[in-house]
């Protein structure tokens, strides 16, 4: 869980970096982790599938006065 404390968070604002590993085969091509959204605020956020960096998406700035909590699930 992370908090973005800005009143307005514009496109590209850093949110969090996710980390995961495949203990069975961490160095093989099949063991490379890729991140993607399962559910939640996909329109409001972007995720780099390789690095796990989550940022505010390009289409809609986050306005705390409008919505103060976002839940996303990542696979």
PDB file of N, CA and C in Angstrom:
ATOM      1  N   UNK A   1       0.838  -1.162   0.000  1.00  0.00           N
ATOM      2  CA  UNK A   1       0.000   0.000   0.000  1.00  0.00           C
ATOM      3  C   UNK A   1       0.893   1.237   0.000  1.00  0.00           C
ATOM      4  N   UNK A   2       0.479   2.234  -0.767  1.00  0.00           N
ATOM      5  CA  UNK A   2       1.228   3.479  -0.826  1.00  0.00           C
ATOM      6  C   UNK A   2       0.273   4.649  -0.809  1.00  0.00           C
ATOM      7  N   UNK A   3       0.761   5.785  -0.425  1.00  0.00           N
ATOM      8  CA  UNK A   3      -0.034   7.005  -0.407  1.00  0.00           C
ATOM      9  C   UNK A   3       0.613   8.040  -1.300  1.00  0.00           C
ATOM     10  N   UNK A   4      -0.203   8.662  -2.139  1.00  0.00           N
ATOM     11  CA  UNK A   4       0.237   9.820  -2.898  1.00  0.00           C
ATOM     12  C   UNK A   4      -0.391  11.010  -2.206  1.00  0.00           C
ATOM     13  N   UNK A   5       0.421  11.888  -1.676  1.00  0.00           N
ATOM     14  CA  UNK A   5      -0.096  12.945  -0.817  1.00  0.00           C
ATOM     15  C   UNK A   5      -0.407  14.246  -1.545  1.00  0.00           C
ATOM     16  N   UNK A   6      -0.231  14.271  -2.845  1.00  0.00           N
ATOM     17  CA  UNK A   6      -0.510  15.481  -3.608  1.00  0.00           C
ATOM     18  C   UNK A   6      -2.016  15.734  -3.689  1.00  0.00           C
ATOM     19  N   UNK A   7      -2.413  17.003  -3.699  1.00  0.00           N
ATOM     20  CA  UNK A   7      -3.813  17.344  -3.921  1.00  0.00           C
ATOM     21  C   UNK A   7      -4.188  17.037  -5.360  1.00  0.00           C
ATOM     22  N   UNK A   8      -3.270  17.325  -6.274  1.00  0.00           N
ATOM     23  CA  UNK A   8      -3.448  16.992  -7.688  1.00  0.00           C
ATOM     24  C   UNK A   8      -2.198  16.241  -8.128  1.00  0.00           C
ATOM     25  N   UNK A   9      -2.374  15.069  -8.698  1.00  0.00           N
ATOM     26  CA  UNK A   9      -1.242  14.288  -9.210  1.00  0.00           C
ATOM     27  C   UNK A   9      -1.415  14.164 -10.713  1.00  0.00           C
ATOM     28  N   UNK A  10      -0.524  14.789 -11.459  1.00  0.00           N
ATOM     29  CA  UNK A  10      -0.624  14.805 -12.914  1.00  0.00           C
ATOM     30  C   UNK A  10       0.018  13.595 -13.571  1.00  0.00           C
ATOM     31  N   UNK A  11      -0.126  13.540 -14.862  1.00  0.00           N
ATOM     32  CA  UNK A  11       0.406  12.458 -15.681  1.00  0.00           C
ATOM     33  C   UNK A  11       1.883  12.228 -15.384  1.00  0.00           C
ATOM     34  N   UNK A  12       2.246  10.971 -15.172  1.00  0.00           N
ATOM     35  CA  UNK A  12       3.637  10.603 -14.948  1.00  0.00           C
ATOM     36  C   UNK A  12       4.096  10.683 -13.506  1.00  0.00           C
ATOM     37  N   UNK A  13       3.242  11.152 -12.594  1.00  0.00           N
ATOM     38  CA  UNK A  13       3.633  11.226 -11.187  1.00  0.00           C
ATOM     39  C   UNK A  13       3.919   9.824 -10.662  1.00  0.00           C
ATOM     40  N   UNK A  14       5.095   9.646 -10.063  1.00  0.00           N
ATOM     41  CA  UNK A  14       5.501   8.356  -9.505  1.00  0.00           C
ATOM     42  C   UNK A  14       4.577   7.963  -8.355  1.00  0.00           C
ATOM     43  N   UNK A  15       4.164   6.679  -8.325  1.00  0.00           N
ATOM     44  CA  UNK A  15       3.319   6.165  -7.252  1.00  0.00           C
ATOM     45  C   UNK A  15       4.074   5.137  -6.417  1.00  0.00           C
ATOM     46  N   UNK A  16       4.585   4.078  -7.056  1.00  0.00           N
ATOM     47  CA  UNK A  16       5.258   2.993  -6.338  1.00  0.00           C
ATOM     48  C   UNK A  16       6.026   2.133  -7.339  1.00  0.00           C
ATOM     49  N   UNK A  17       7.038   1.414  -6.858  1.00  0.00           N
ATOM     50  CA  UNK A  17       7.714   0.396  -7.656  1.00  0.00           C
ATOM     51  C   UNK A  17       7.421  -0.958  -7.029  1.00  0.00           C
ATOM     52  N   UNK A  18       6.860  -1.852  -7.811  1.00  0.00           N
ATOM     53  CA  UNK A  18       6.531  -3.200  -7.349  1.00  0.00           C
ATOM     54  C   UNK A  18       7.732  -4.112  -7.567  1.00  0.00           C
ATOM     55  N   UNK A  19       7.877  -5.105  -6.699  1.00  0.00           N
ATOM     56  CA  UNK A  19       8.948  -6.089  -6.852  1.00  0.00           C
ATOM     57  C   UNK A  19       8.374  -7.482  -6.689  1.00  0.00           C
ATOM     58  N   UNK A  20       8.782  -8.372  -7.574  1.00  0.00           N
ATOM     59  CA  UNK A  20       8.378  -9.773  -7.487  1.00  0.00           C
ATOM     60  C   UNK A  20       9.481 -10.614  -8.109  1.00  0.00           C
ATOM     61  N   UNK A  21       9.493 -11.899  -7.778  1.00  0.00           N
ATOM     62  CA  UNK A  21      10.471 -12.794  -8.378  1.00  0.00           C
ATOM     63  C   UNK A  21       9.856 -14.170  -8.536  1.00  0.00           C
ATOM     64  N   UNK A  22      10.421 -14.928  -9.452  1.00  0.00           N
ATOM     65  CA  UNK A  22      10.014 -16.304  -9.670  1.00  0.00           C
ATOM     66  C   UNK A  22      11.107 -17.177  -9.064  1.00  0.00           C
ATOM     67  N   UNK A  23      10.855 -17.707  -7.890  1.00  0.00           N
ATOM     68  CA  UNK A  23      11.859 -18.489  -7.172  1.00  0.00           C
ATOM     69  C   UNK A  23      12.223 -19.786  -7.897  1.00  0.00           C
ATOM     70  N   UNK A  24      11.325 -20.300  -8.740  1.00  0.00           N
ATOM     71  CA  UNK A  24      11.598 -21.546  -9.448  1.00  0.00           C
ATOM     72  C   UNK A  24      12.649 -21.383 -10.535  1.00  0.00           C
ATOM     73  N   UNK A  25      12.617 -20.254 -11.216  1.00  0.00           N
ATOM     74  CA  UNK A  25      13.532 -20.070 -12.336  1.00  0.00           C
ATOM     75  C   UNK A  25      13.835 -18.587 -12.539  1.00  0.00           C
ATOM     76  N   UNK A  26      14.539 -17.942 -11.616  1.00  0.00           N
ATOM     77  CA  UNK A  26      14.714 -16.488 -11.698  1.00  0.00           C
ATOM     78  C   UNK A  26      15.550 -15.986 -12.874  1.00  0.00           C
ATOM     79  N   UNK A  27      16.407 -16.821 -13.445  1.00  0.00           N
ATOM     80  CA  UNK A  27      17.276 -16.338 -14.525  1.00  0.00           C
ATOM     81  C   UNK A  27      16.918 -16.897 -15.896  1.00  0.00           C
ATOM     82  N   UNK A  28      15.906 -17.712 -15.992  1.00  0.00           N
ATOM     83  CA  UNK A  28      15.496 -18.245 -17.283  1.00  0.00           C
ATOM     84  C   UNK A  28      14.449 -17.325 -17.910  1.00  0.00           C
ATOM     85  N   UNK A  29      14.265 -17.370 -19.233  1.00  0.00           N
ATOM     86  CA  UNK A  29      13.259 -16.520 -19.872  1.00  0.00           C
ATOM     87  C   UNK A  29      11.846 -16.724 -19.290  1.00  0.00           C
ATOM     88  N   UNK A  30      11.507 -17.941 -18.926  1.00  0.00           N
ATOM     89  CA  UNK A  30      10.199 -18.210 -18.335  1.00  0.00           C
ATOM     90  C   UNK A  30      10.068 -17.678 -16.926  1.00  0.00           C
ATOM     91  N   UNK A  31      11.183 -17.344 -16.298  1.00  0.00           N
ATOM     92  CA  UNK A  31      11.165 -16.839 -14.937  1.00  0.00           C
ATOM     93  C   UNK A  31      11.162 -15.322 -14.844  1.00  0.00           C
ATOM     94  N   UNK A  32      11.135 -14.643 -15.983  1.00  0.00           N
ATOM     95  CA  UNK A  32      11.099 -13.182 -15.975  1.00  0.00           C
ATOM     96  C   UNK A  32       9.691 -12.714 -15.620  1.00  0.00           C
ATOM     97  N   UNK A  33       9.609 -11.838 -14.635  1.00  0.00           N
ATOM     98  CA  UNK A  33       8.327 -11.333 -14.157  1.00  0.00           C
ATOM     99  C   UNK A  33       7.874 -10.171 -15.033  1.00  0.00           C
ATOM    100  N   UNK A  34       6.601 -10.178 -15.408  1.00  0.00           N
ATOM    101  CA  UNK A  34       5.980  -9.056 -16.118  1.00  0.00           C
ATOM    102  C   UNK A  34       4.770  -8.632 -15.312  1.00  0.00           C
ATOM    103  N   UNK A  35       4.597  -7.331 -15.166  1.00  0.00           N
ATOM    104  CA  UNK A  35       3.519  -6.778 -14.354  1.00  0.00           C
ATOM    105  C   UNK A  35       2.388  -6.282 -15.246  1.00  0.00           C
ATOM    106  N   UNK A  36       1.145  -6.493 -14.770  1.00  0.00           N
ATOM    107  CA  UNK A  36      -0.017  -5.934 -15.465  1.00  0.00           C
ATOM    108  C   UNK A  36      -1.149  -5.784 -14.464  1.00  0.00           C
ATOM    109  N   UNK A  37      -2.072  -4.896 -14.773  1.00  0.00           N
ATOM    110  CA  UNK A  37      -3.209  -4.675 -13.901  1.00  0.00           C
ATOM    111  C   UNK A  37      -4.230  -5.794 -14.071  1.00  0.00           C
ATOM    112  N   UNK A  38      -4.746  -6.288 -12.961  1.00  0.00           N
ATOM    113  CA  UNK A  38      -5.853  -7.234 -12.992  1.00  0.00           C
ATOM    114  C   UNK A  38      -7.174  -6.496 -12.884  1.00  0.00           C
ATOM    115  N   UNK A  39      -7.224  -5.551 -11.977  1.00  0.00           N
ATOM    116  CA  UNK A  39      -8.452  -4.788 -11.777  1.00  0.00           C
ATOM    117  C   UNK A  39      -8.112  -3.472 -11.115  1.00  0.00           C
ATOM    118  N   UNK A  40      -9.098  -2.614 -11.033  1.00  0.00           N
ATOM    119  CA  UNK A  40      -8.902  -1.332 -10.369  1.00  0.00           C
ATOM    120  C   UNK A  40      -8.904  -0.189 -11.348  1.00  0.00           C
ATOM    121  N   UNK A  41      -8.167   0.810 -11.037  1.00  0.00           N
ATOM    122  CA  UNK A  41      -8.190   2.084 -11.754  1.00  0.00           C
ATOM    123  C   UNK A  41      -7.213   2.098 -12.924  1.00  0.00           C
ATOM    124  N   UNK A  42      -7.434   1.236 -13.887  1.00  0.00           N
ATOM    125  CA  UNK A  42      -6.524   1.135 -15.030  1.00  0.00           C
ATOM    126  C   UNK A  42      -6.450   2.424 -15.838  1.00  0.00           C
ATOM    127  N   UNK A  43      -7.540   3.162 -15.905  1.00  0.00           N
ATOM    128  CA  UNK A  43      -7.530   4.400 -16.672  1.00  0.00           C
ATOM    129  C   UNK A  43      -6.726   5.490 -15.983  1.00  0.00           C
ATOM    130  N   UNK A  44      -6.609   5.425 -14.678  1.00  0.00           N
ATOM    131  CA  UNK A  44      -5.900   6.457 -13.932  1.00  0.00           C
ATOM    132  C   UNK A  44      -4.417   6.163 -13.737  1.00  0.00           C
ATOM    133  N   UNK A  45      -3.991   4.926 -13.969  1.00  0.00           N
ATOM    134  CA  UNK A  45      -2.603   4.547 -13.701  1.00  0.00           C
ATOM    135  C   UNK A  45      -1.985   3.840 -14.893  1.00  0.00           C
ATOM    136  N   UNK A  46      -0.656   3.897 -14.955  1.00  0.00           N
ATOM    137  CA  UNK A  46       0.118   3.146 -15.940  1.00  0.00           C
ATOM    138  C   UNK A  46       1.122   2.302 -15.176  1.00  0.00           C
ATOM    139  N   UNK A  47       1.490   1.153 -15.749  1.00  0.00           N
ATOM    140  CA  UNK A  47       2.495   0.302 -15.126  1.00  0.00           C
ATOM    141  C   UNK A  47       3.502  -0.127 -16.183  1.00  0.00           C
ATOM    142  N   UNK A  48       4.774  -0.054 -15.846  1.00  0.00           N
ATOM    143  CA  UNK A  48       5.816  -0.551 -16.729  1.00  0.00           C
ATOM    144  C   UNK A  48       5.884  -2.050 -16.506  1.00  0.00           C
ATOM    145  N   UNK A  49       5.585  -2.828 -17.531  1.00  0.00           N
ATOM    146  CA  UNK A  49       5.481  -4.287 -17.354  1.00  0.00           C
ATOM    147  C   UNK A  49       6.793  -4.948 -16.975  1.00  0.00           C
ATOM    148  N   UNK A  50       7.909  -4.304 -17.243  1.00  0.00           N
ATOM    149  CA  UNK A  50       9.213  -4.875 -16.931  1.00  0.00           C
ATOM    150  C   UNK A  50       9.753  -4.434 -15.578  1.00  0.00           C
ATOM    151  N   UNK A  51       9.642  -3.140 -15.272  1.00  0.00           N
ATOM    152  CA  UNK A  51      10.243  -2.607 -14.046  1.00  0.00           C
ATOM    153  C   UNK A  51       9.291  -2.601 -12.857  1.00  0.00           C
ATOM    154  N   UNK A  52       7.971  -2.648 -13.113  1.00  0.00           N
ATOM    155  CA  UNK A  52       6.997  -2.587 -12.028  1.00  0.00           C
ATOM    156  C   UNK A  52       6.725  -1.189 -11.517  1.00  0.00           C
ATOM    157  N   UNK A  53       7.234  -0.174 -12.207  1.00  0.00           N
ATOM    158  CA  UNK A  53       6.990   1.210 -11.788  1.00  0.00           C
ATOM    159  C   UNK A  53       5.557   1.593 -12.153  1.00  0.00           C
ATOM    160  N   UNK A  54       4.813   2.071 -11.144  1.00  0.00           N
ATOM    161  CA  UNK A  54       3.434   2.535 -11.344  1.00  0.00           C
ATOM    162  C   UNK A  54       3.446   4.054 -11.276  1.00  0.00           C
ATOM    163  N   UNK A  55       2.816   4.678 -12.270  1.00  0.00           N
ATOM    164  CA  UNK A  55       2.709   6.136 -12.326  1.00  0.00           C
ATOM    165  C   UNK A  55       1.263   6.517 -12.620  1.00  0.00           C
ATOM    166  N   UNK A  56       0.973   7.784 -12.430  1.00  0.00           N
ATOM    167  CA  UNK A  56      -0.341   8.304 -12.812  1.00  0.00           C
ATOM    168  C   UNK A  56      -0.404   8.259 -14.333  1.00  0.00           C
ATOM    169  N   UNK A  57      -1.525   7.776 -14.850  1.00  0.00           N
ATOM    170  CA  UNK A  57      -1.686   7.600 -16.284  1.00  0.00           C
ATOM    171  C   UNK A  57      -1.767   8.896 -17.066  1.00  0.00           C
ATOM    172  N   UNK A  58      -1.719   8.785 -18.395  1.00  0.00           N
ATOM    173  CA  UNK A  58      -1.652   9.965 -19.241  1.00  0.00           C
ATOM    174  C   UNK A  58      -2.984  10.662 -19.486  1.00  0.00           C
ATOM    175  N   UNK A  59      -4.098  10.033 -19.149  1.00  0.00           N
ATOM    176  CA  UNK A  59      -5.382  10.573 -19.567  1.00  0.00           C
ATOM    177  C   UNK A  59      -6.098  11.433 -18.536  1.00  0.00           C
ATOM    178  N   UNK A  60      -5.989  11.085 -17.263  1.00  0.00           N
ATOM    179  CA  UNK A  60      -6.764  11.783 -16.245  1.00  0.00           C
ATOM    180  C   UNK A  60      -5.908  12.066 -15.023  1.00  0.00           C
ATOM    181  N   UNK A  61      -5.748  13.335 -14.644  1.00  0.00           N
ATOM    182  CA  UNK A  61      -5.024  13.607 -13.401  1.00  0.00           C
ATOM    183  C   UNK A  61      -5.848  13.133 -12.206  1.00  0.00           C
ATOM    184  N   UNK A  62      -5.175  12.776 -11.131  1.00  0.00           N
ATOM    185  CA  UNK A  62      -5.870  12.371  -9.916  1.00  0.00           C
ATOM    186  C   UNK A  62      -6.171  13.612  -9.089  1.00  0.00           C
ATOM    187  N   UNK A  63      -7.418  13.806  -8.752  1.00  0.00           N
ATOM    188  CA  UNK A  63      -7.844  14.951  -7.957  1.00  0.00           C
ATOM    189  C   UNK A  63      -8.331  14.446  -6.615  1.00  0.00           C
ATOM    190  N   UNK A  64      -7.606  14.774  -5.568  1.00  0.00           N
ATOM    191  CA  UNK A  64      -7.961  14.280  -4.233  1.00  0.00           C
ATOM    192  C   UNK A  64      -9.356  14.738  -3.810  1.00  0.00           C
ATOM    193  N   UNK A  65      -9.783  15.911  -4.243  1.00  0.00           N
ATOM    194  CA  UNK A  65     -11.112  16.422  -3.893  1.00  0.00           C
ATOM    195  C   UNK A  65     -12.218  15.572  -4.520  1.00  0.00           C
ATOM    196  N   UNK A  66     -11.901  14.908  -5.631  1.00  0.00           N
ATOM    197  CA  UNK A  66     -12.875  14.066  -6.325  1.00  0.00           C
ATOM    198  C   UNK A  66     -12.877  12.638  -5.792  1.00  0.00           C
ATOM    199  N   UNK A  67     -11.688  12.085  -5.593  1.00  0.00           N
ATOM    200  CA  UNK A  67     -11.542  10.712  -5.105  1.00  0.00           C
ATOM    201  C   UNK A  67     -10.251  10.627  -4.314  1.00  0.00           C
ATOM    202  N   UNK A  68     -10.334  10.157  -3.065  1.00  0.00           N
ATOM    203  CA  UNK A  68      -9.124  10.131  -2.233  1.00  0.00           C
ATOM    204  C   UNK A  68      -8.522   8.751  -2.050  1.00  0.00           C
ATOM    205  N   UNK A  69      -9.109   7.720  -2.661  1.00  0.00           N
ATOM    206  CA  UNK A  69      -8.581   6.371  -2.528  1.00  0.00           C
ATOM    207  C   UNK A  69      -8.774   5.610  -3.835  1.00  0.00           C
ATOM    208  N   UNK A  70      -7.732   4.920  -4.267  1.00  0.00           N
ATOM    209  CA  UNK A  70      -7.772   4.089  -5.470  1.00  0.00           C
ATOM    210  C   UNK A  70      -7.250   2.706  -5.099  1.00  0.00           C
ATOM    211  N   UNK A  71      -7.935   1.685  -5.534  1.00  0.00           N
ATOM    212  CA  UNK A  71      -7.485   0.304  -5.322  1.00  0.00           C
ATOM    213  C   UNK A  71      -7.175  -0.318  -6.666  1.00  0.00           C
ATOM    214  N   UNK A  72      -5.990  -0.898  -6.782  1.00  0.00           N
ATOM    215  CA  UNK A  72      -5.608  -1.591  -8.000  1.00  0.00           C
ATOM    216  C   UNK A  72      -5.042  -2.954  -7.626  1.00  0.00           C
ATOM    217  N   UNK A  73      -5.256  -3.915  -8.501  1.00  0.00           N
ATOM    218  CA  UNK A  73      -4.677  -5.253  -8.322  1.00  0.00           C
ATOM    219  C   UNK A  73      -3.732  -5.511  -9.480  1.00  0.00           C
ATOM    220  N   UNK A  74      -2.559  -6.034  -9.164  1.00  0.00           N
ATOM    221  CA  UNK A  74      -1.531  -6.278 -10.168  1.00  0.00           C
ATOM    222  C   UNK A  74      -1.212  -7.755 -10.195  1.00  0.00           C
ATOM    223  N   UNK A  75      -0.981  -8.258 -11.398  1.00  0.00           N
ATOM    224  CA  UNK A  75      -0.643  -9.665 -11.574  1.00  0.00           C
ATOM    225  C   UNK A  75       0.786  -9.740 -12.063  1.00  0.00           C
TER     226      UNK A  75
END
